[in-house]
Amino acid sequence: MALIYKICPAPLWREAERRGAFDGSPVDIADGFIHFSTAGQVAETAAKHFAGQHDLVLVAVDAEALGAALKWEPSRGGALFPHLYEALDVRLAIKAVPLPLDADDKHIFPAL
């Protein structure tokens, strides 16, 4: 199983769990797809796009379960990132865990 990860504000994820689907964050909606990261990319994603942000969750999803709606596309730096071109059925989340900050305001990741 190849897991991919979504960093999400906890209130948005709780709302998605209530509704049964995650449509994406405002940035995802503006871009037309839900941004995911691999295990090797997610810490850099957190540092670049979520620096110092509290009340986040890290959602893990089996990439294969997403089917053809998941596309691997190059970023500005050329690395391939997973992008989901439909709403995420929250039942496909393997886990959603808090992503706390340490004393230096850097995110503390669980073992991936």
N, C-alpha and C. Protein backbone atom coordinates (compact mmCIF):
# COMPACT_ATOMS: atom_id res chain seq x y z
N MET A 1 0.86 -1.18 0.00
CA MET A 1 0.00 0.00 0.00
C MET A 1 0.90 1.24 0.00
N ALA A 2 0.72 2.12 -0.97
CA ALA A 2 1.46 3.37 -1.05
C ALA A 2 0.59 4.49 -0.49
N LEU A 3 0.99 5.00 0.67
CA LEU A 3 0.20 6.07 1.28
C LEU A 3 0.63 7.43 0.76
N ILE A 4 -0.36 8.29 0.57
CA ILE A 4 -0.12 9.70 0.30
C ILE A 4 -0.80 10.48 1.41
N TYR A 5 -0.41 11.77 1.56
CA TYR A 5 -0.82 12.53 2.72
C TYR A 5 -1.39 13.90 2.34
N LYS A 6 -2.41 14.28 3.08
CA LYS A 6 -3.01 15.60 2.95
C LYS A 6 -2.90 16.30 4.30
N ILE A 7 -2.34 17.49 4.30
CA ILE A 7 -2.34 18.32 5.50
C ILE A 7 -3.57 19.20 5.41
N CYS A 8 -4.35 19.20 6.47
CA CYS A 8 -5.65 19.85 6.42
C CYS A 8 -5.97 20.55 7.74
N PRO A 9 -6.53 21.74 7.70
CA PRO A 9 -7.02 22.34 8.94
C PRO A 9 -8.04 21.41 9.59
N ALA A 10 -7.88 21.17 10.88
CA ALA A 10 -8.75 20.23 11.58
C ALA A 10 -10.24 20.56 11.43
N PRO A 11 -10.65 21.83 11.50
CA PRO A 11 -12.09 22.11 11.32
C PRO A 11 -12.61 21.69 9.94
N LEU A 12 -11.81 21.85 8.89
CA LEU A 12 -12.24 21.42 7.55
C LEU A 12 -12.38 19.90 7.50
N TRP A 13 -11.45 19.19 8.14
CA TRP A 13 -11.52 17.73 8.13
C TRP A 13 -12.73 17.24 8.93
N ARG A 14 -12.99 17.86 10.08
CA ARG A 14 -14.17 17.47 10.87
C ARG A 14 -15.46 17.69 10.09
N GLU A 15 -15.53 18.78 9.35
CA GLU A 15 -16.70 19.04 8.50
C GLU A 15 -16.81 17.98 7.40
N ALA A 16 -15.67 17.62 6.81
CA ALA A 16 -15.67 16.59 5.78
C ALA A 16 -16.15 15.25 6.35
N GLU A 17 -15.71 14.91 7.55
CA GLU A 17 -16.15 13.66 8.18
C GLU A 17 -17.66 13.69 8.40
N ARG A 18 -18.18 14.84 8.78
CA ARG A 18 -19.63 14.97 8.99
C ARG A 18 -20.38 14.78 7.68
N ARG A 19 -19.85 15.34 6.59
CA ARG A 19 -20.50 15.28 5.28
C ARG A 19 -20.22 13.99 4.53
N GLY A 20 -19.08 13.35 4.84
CA GLY A 20 -18.69 12.13 4.14
C GLY A 20 -17.74 12.36 2.98
N ALA A 21 -17.41 13.62 2.70
CA ALA A 21 -16.51 13.92 1.58
C ALA A 21 -15.71 15.18 1.88
N PHE A 22 -14.47 15.17 1.43
CA PHE A 22 -13.60 16.34 1.54
C PHE A 22 -13.43 16.92 0.15
N ASP A 23 -13.93 18.14 -0.03
CA ASP A 23 -13.86 18.81 -1.33
C ASP A 23 -12.54 19.54 -1.53
N GLY A 24 -11.78 19.69 -0.46
CA GLY A 24 -10.50 20.39 -0.54
C GLY A 24 -10.51 21.66 0.27
N SER A 25 -9.31 22.17 0.48
CA SER A 25 -9.14 23.46 1.15
C SER A 25 -9.42 24.56 0.12
N PRO A 26 -9.47 25.81 0.54
CA PRO A 26 -9.66 26.89 -0.44
C PRO A 26 -8.62 26.87 -1.56
N VAL A 27 -7.36 26.56 -1.24
CA VAL A 27 -6.32 26.49 -2.28
C VAL A 27 -6.59 25.35 -3.24
N ASP A 28 -7.00 24.20 -2.70
CA ASP A 28 -7.34 23.06 -3.56
C ASP A 28 -8.47 23.41 -4.52
N ILE A 29 -9.50 24.01 -3.97
CA ILE A 29 -10.67 24.35 -4.78
C ILE A 29 -10.28 25.34 -5.88
N ALA A 30 -9.44 26.32 -5.54
CA ALA A 30 -8.99 27.30 -6.53
C ALA A 30 -8.15 26.63 -7.63
N ASP A 31 -7.35 25.63 -7.25
CA ASP A 31 -6.48 24.95 -8.22
C ASP A 31 -7.21 23.87 -9.01
N GLY A 32 -8.38 23.44 -8.55
CA GLY A 32 -9.16 22.44 -9.28
C GLY A 32 -8.82 21.01 -8.94
N PHE A 33 -8.02 20.79 -7.89
CA PHE A 33 -7.68 19.45 -7.44
C PHE A 33 -7.22 19.51 -5.99
N ILE A 34 -7.23 18.36 -5.33
CA ILE A 34 -6.77 18.27 -3.95
C ILE A 34 -5.30 17.91 -3.97
N HIS A 35 -4.48 18.76 -3.34
CA HIS A 35 -3.04 18.54 -3.26
C HIS A 35 -2.73 17.47 -2.22
N PHE A 36 -1.93 16.50 -2.59
CA PHE A 36 -1.40 15.50 -1.67
C PHE A 36 0.12 15.53 -1.77
N SER A 37 0.77 14.86 -0.82
CA SER A 37 2.22 14.71 -0.82
C SER A 37 2.55 13.26 -0.49
N THR A 38 3.72 12.82 -0.92
CA THR A 38 4.22 11.52 -0.52
C THR A 38 4.86 11.66 0.87
N ALA A 39 5.24 10.52 1.45
CA ALA A 39 5.92 10.55 2.75
C ALA A 39 7.20 11.37 2.67
N GLY A 40 7.90 11.29 1.57
CA GLY A 40 9.14 12.03 1.41
C GLY A 40 8.95 13.52 1.13
N GLN A 41 7.74 13.93 0.79
CA GLN A 41 7.46 15.33 0.44
C GLN A 41 6.71 16.08 1.52
N VAL A 42 6.03 15.37 2.42
CA VAL A 42 5.05 16.03 3.28
C VAL A 42 5.67 16.99 4.30
N ALA A 43 6.86 16.71 4.81
CA ALA A 43 7.48 17.63 5.77
C ALA A 43 7.83 18.96 5.09
N GLU A 44 8.33 18.87 3.86
CA GLU A 44 8.63 20.10 3.11
C GLU A 44 7.35 20.86 2.77
N THR A 45 6.30 20.13 2.44
CA THR A 45 5.00 20.78 2.18
C THR A 45 4.53 21.53 3.41
N ALA A 46 4.66 20.90 4.58
CA ALA A 46 4.24 21.55 5.83
C ALA A 46 5.05 22.81 6.07
N ALA A 47 6.36 22.72 5.91
CA ALA A 47 7.23 23.88 6.15
C ALA A 47 6.95 25.01 5.17
N LYS A 48 6.67 24.67 3.92
CA LYS A 48 6.48 25.68 2.88
C LYS A 48 5.10 26.32 2.91
N HIS A 49 4.06 25.50 3.13
CA HIS A 49 2.69 26.00 2.98
C HIS A 49 1.90 26.11 4.28
N PHE A 50 2.41 25.51 5.37
CA PHE A 50 1.66 25.50 6.63
C PHE A 50 2.52 25.93 7.82
N ALA A 51 3.59 26.66 7.56
CA ALA A 51 4.54 27.05 8.61
C ALA A 51 3.82 27.74 9.78
N GLY A 52 4.05 27.21 10.98
CA GLY A 52 3.51 27.82 12.19
C GLY A 52 2.02 27.66 12.39
N GLN A 53 1.32 26.97 11.50
CA GLN A 53 -0.14 26.83 11.63
C GLN A 53 -0.50 25.76 12.64
N HIS A 54 -1.40 26.13 13.53
CA HIS A 54 -1.92 25.22 14.55
C HIS A 54 -3.18 24.52 14.04
N ASP A 55 -3.60 23.51 14.78
CA ASP A 55 -4.87 22.82 14.56
C ASP A 55 -4.97 22.21 13.16
N LEU A 56 -3.91 21.47 12.80
CA LEU A 56 -3.89 20.76 11.53
C LEU A 56 -3.98 19.26 11.79
N VAL A 57 -4.46 18.52 10.79
CA VAL A 57 -4.42 17.07 10.82
C VAL A 57 -3.66 16.58 9.59
N LEU A 58 -3.06 15.42 9.76
CA LEU A 58 -2.39 14.74 8.66
C LEU A 58 -3.24 13.54 8.29
N VAL A 59 -3.77 13.56 7.07
CA VAL A 59 -4.67 12.51 6.60
C VAL A 59 -3.88 11.60 5.67
N ALA A 60 -3.90 10.30 5.95
CA ALA A 60 -3.22 9.31 5.12
C ALA A 60 -4.24 8.55 4.29
N VAL A 61 -3.95 8.39 3.01
CA VAL A 61 -4.85 7.71 2.07
C VAL A 61 -4.02 6.76 1.21
N ASP A 62 -4.58 5.58 0.93
CA ASP A 62 -3.95 4.65 0.01
C ASP A 62 -4.11 5.19 -1.41
N ALA A 63 -3.01 5.52 -2.05
CA ALA A 63 -3.06 6.13 -3.39
C ALA A 63 -3.82 5.25 -4.38
N GLU A 64 -3.65 3.94 -4.31
CA GLU A 64 -4.30 3.04 -5.25
C GLU A 64 -5.82 3.07 -5.13
N ALA A 65 -6.33 3.34 -3.94
CA ALA A 65 -7.77 3.38 -3.72
C ALA A 65 -8.44 4.55 -4.44
N LEU A 66 -7.66 5.52 -4.87
CA LEU A 66 -8.23 6.72 -5.51
C LEU A 66 -8.45 6.54 -7.01
N GLY A 67 -7.87 5.51 -7.57
CA GLY A 67 -8.13 5.21 -8.97
C GLY A 67 -7.64 6.27 -9.94
N ALA A 68 -8.35 6.36 -11.06
CA ALA A 68 -7.92 7.23 -12.16
C ALA A 68 -8.04 8.72 -11.85
N ALA A 69 -8.76 9.09 -10.79
CA ALA A 69 -8.89 10.50 -10.44
C ALA A 69 -7.61 11.06 -9.84
N LEU A 70 -6.66 10.18 -9.47
CA LEU A 70 -5.38 10.61 -8.93
C LEU A 70 -4.37 10.71 -10.06
N LYS A 71 -3.80 11.89 -10.20
CA LYS A 71 -2.79 12.14 -11.24
C LYS A 71 -1.48 12.55 -10.56
N TRP A 72 -0.38 12.06 -11.09
CA TRP A 72 0.95 12.43 -10.61
C TRP A 72 1.49 13.50 -11.56
N GLU A 73 1.65 14.72 -11.02
CA GLU A 73 2.01 15.85 -11.88
C GLU A 73 3.23 16.57 -11.32
N PRO A 74 4.06 17.12 -12.23
CA PRO A 74 5.27 17.81 -11.77
C PRO A 74 4.97 19.14 -11.10
N SER A 75 5.75 19.41 -10.07
CA SER A 75 5.69 20.72 -9.41
C SER A 75 6.61 21.67 -10.16
N ARG A 76 6.71 22.90 -9.65
CA ARG A 76 7.60 23.87 -10.30
C ARG A 76 9.04 23.36 -10.32
N GLY A 77 9.42 22.59 -9.27
CA GLY A 77 10.78 22.06 -9.20
C GLY A 77 10.96 20.76 -9.97
N GLY A 78 9.89 20.22 -10.54
CA GLY A 78 9.98 19.02 -11.34
C GLY A 78 9.59 17.73 -10.62
N ALA A 79 9.50 17.75 -9.28
CA ALA A 79 9.10 16.55 -8.55
C ALA A 79 7.63 16.24 -8.83
N LEU A 80 7.31 14.95 -8.88
CA LEU A 80 5.92 14.54 -9.11
C LEU A 80 5.15 14.54 -7.80
N PHE A 81 4.00 15.21 -7.80
CA PHE A 81 3.12 15.26 -6.65
C PHE A 81 1.77 14.64 -7.02
N PRO A 82 1.13 13.96 -6.07
CA PRO A 82 -0.20 13.40 -6.32
C PRO A 82 -1.29 14.46 -6.19
N HIS A 83 -2.15 14.53 -7.19
CA HIS A 83 -3.27 15.48 -7.21
C HIS A 83 -4.55 14.69 -7.46
N LEU A 84 -5.55 14.92 -6.64
CA LEU A 84 -6.83 14.23 -6.76
C LEU A 84 -7.85 15.14 -7.42
N TYR A 85 -8.40 14.69 -8.55
CA TYR A 85 -9.34 15.49 -9.33
C TYR A 85 -10.79 15.10 -9.06
N GLU A 86 -11.12 14.88 -7.81
CA GLU A 86 -12.50 14.69 -7.35
C GLU A 86 -12.49 14.83 -5.84
N ALA A 87 -13.67 14.90 -5.26
CA ALA A 87 -13.75 14.96 -3.80
C ALA A 87 -13.23 13.66 -3.21
N LEU A 88 -12.65 13.75 -2.03
CA LEU A 88 -12.13 12.57 -1.34
C LEU A 88 -13.22 11.99 -0.44
N ASP A 89 -13.58 10.76 -0.69
CA ASP A 89 -14.51 10.03 0.18
C ASP A 89 -13.76 9.80 1.50
N VAL A 90 -14.23 10.34 2.60
CA VAL A 90 -13.49 10.25 3.87
C VAL A 90 -13.33 8.82 4.35
N ARG A 91 -14.14 7.91 3.86
CA ARG A 91 -13.98 6.50 4.24
C ARG A 91 -12.68 5.91 3.71
N LEU A 92 -12.06 6.59 2.73
CA LEU A 92 -10.79 6.13 2.18
C LEU A 92 -9.59 6.56 3.02
N ALA A 93 -9.82 7.42 4.01
CA ALA A 93 -8.73 7.84 4.89
C ALA A 93 -8.33 6.66 5.79
N ILE A 94 -7.07 6.29 5.74
CA ILE A 94 -6.54 5.23 6.59
C ILE A 94 -6.45 5.73 8.02
N LYS A 95 -6.01 6.98 8.15
CA LYS A 95 -5.95 7.63 9.46
C LYS A 95 -5.89 9.14 9.26
N ALA A 96 -6.31 9.84 10.29
CA ALA A 96 -6.19 11.30 10.35
C ALA A 96 -5.71 11.61 11.76
N VAL A 97 -4.49 12.12 11.85
CA VAL A 97 -3.88 12.36 13.15
C VAL A 97 -3.50 13.83 13.30
N PRO A 98 -3.51 14.33 14.53
CA PRO A 98 -3.09 15.72 14.75
C PRO A 98 -1.66 15.95 14.29
N LEU A 99 -1.38 17.15 13.83
CA LEU A 99 -0.05 17.55 13.40
C LEU A 99 0.37 18.74 14.26
N PRO A 100 0.84 18.45 15.48
CA PRO A 100 1.16 19.53 16.42
C PRO A 100 2.46 20.24 16.06
N LEU A 101 2.70 21.34 16.76
CA LEU A 101 3.92 22.12 16.60
C LEU A 101 4.83 21.90 17.81
N ASP A 102 6.14 21.95 17.56
CA ASP A 102 7.08 21.88 18.67
C ASP A 102 7.35 23.30 19.19
N ALA A 103 8.29 23.43 20.11
CA ALA A 103 8.59 24.74 20.71
C ALA A 103 9.12 25.74 19.69
N ASP A 104 9.65 25.25 18.57
CA ASP A 104 10.16 26.13 17.51
C ASP A 104 9.14 26.35 16.39
N ASP A 105 7.88 25.99 16.65
CA ASP A 105 6.79 26.12 15.66
C ASP A 105 7.02 25.30 14.40
N LYS A 106 7.69 24.16 14.54
CA LYS A 106 7.84 23.21 13.43
C LYS A 106 6.91 22.03 13.71
N HIS A 107 6.31 21.50 12.68
CA HIS A 107 5.35 20.41 12.84
C HIS A 107 6.04 19.10 13.26
N ILE A 108 5.39 18.39 14.15
CA ILE A 108 5.88 17.11 14.64
C ILE A 108 5.12 16.02 13.90
N PHE A 109 5.84 15.26 13.08
CA PHE A 109 5.21 14.21 12.27
C PHE A 109 5.28 12.86 12.97
N PRO A 110 4.21 12.07 12.82
CA PRO A 110 4.28 10.68 13.30
C PRO A 110 5.17 9.89 12.35
N ALA A 111 5.49 8.67 12.72
CA ALA A 111 6.22 7.79 11.80
C ALA A 111 5.34 7.56 10.58
N LEU A 112 5.92 7.75 9.40
CA LEU A 112 5.16 7.60 8.15
C LEU A 112 5.50 6.29 7.47
